[in-house]
Amino acid sequence: MRSFKLLLAGAALVLSLGTAQASEAPEFPRQHWSHDGFFGTFDRAALQRGYQVYKEVCSACHSMKQMRFRNLAGIGLDEAQIKALAAEFETTDGPNDDGEMFQRPSRPSDRFRSPFSNDNAARAANGGALPPDLSLIAKNRKGGQDYVYALLTGYADAPQGVTVPEGMHFNKVFPGHLIAMNQPIQPDAVTYADGTKASVEQMAKDVTTFLAFTASPHLEARNSLGVKVMLFLFVLTGLLYAAKRKIWKGLH
């Protein structure tokens, strides 16, 4: 009997903790994304602006180990543009004839360059915090791209009575509301080539679109294939129904 009471008490504690955590979980609104839905496609202008934000702001701390420069063809860049962008960076290659590694301009087949040589160097440069790789961030965080956008735009002054420790920052949607990353996007942090005003919301929307692309680079191809399969099944259903009517016509 005593063990049964302990079991009930433990279950009640777990339920109460779960309820408390659920009540503390931050909420954020869903955003409209052109690539959402069965017929969704990426906004190429937003993708290119988003890559610019990643390159000029986010890449100082965050890696993107799953991305190669050639993948930028998916955001609407041609071969010459990709080669020029890749050549702005250097990649370690080798060994050469002397058995030594060397630096050379990056090629389209090379991966994006990581800002740090290893995780320990990344932690040392960021007060002990390890900046996550952004390749799949829009897919492997609860809330996906909506969460990423909300996080980037969620920095604010802490409410009265909330103490923010040194080295931490208040964010309205980050679990626990205290985040080690300083607000990464500041107004006019980049100058868009297409003349778009670089507000915090605009840059957050653009870079989130780019991160959605890096997490699902084949999204449009899958959507297109899905549409073709549905059309095929629709036509096949019609043909099978017509064949059935003709074959069994004499029996009705």
Foldseek 3Di string as FASTA:
>chain_A
DVVVVVVVVVVVVVVVVVVVLVVLAFDFDDDDAQQDDLQRDHDLLLLVLLVVCCVLFVQLQAAAQLAFLLLCVLSPDDQVVSQVVQQVDWDWDDDDPVGDIDIHRGGRRDGDDHNDPDQVRSCVVQVNDHHYHLLQQQPPDVVRLRLQLQQLVFFDDDDPPDDADPQWGAGRRDRVRTHNDDNRDDFCSDQDPVRDGRGSNSNSVSNSSNSVCSNPVCSNVVSVVVVVVVVVVVVVVVVVVVVVCVVCVVVD
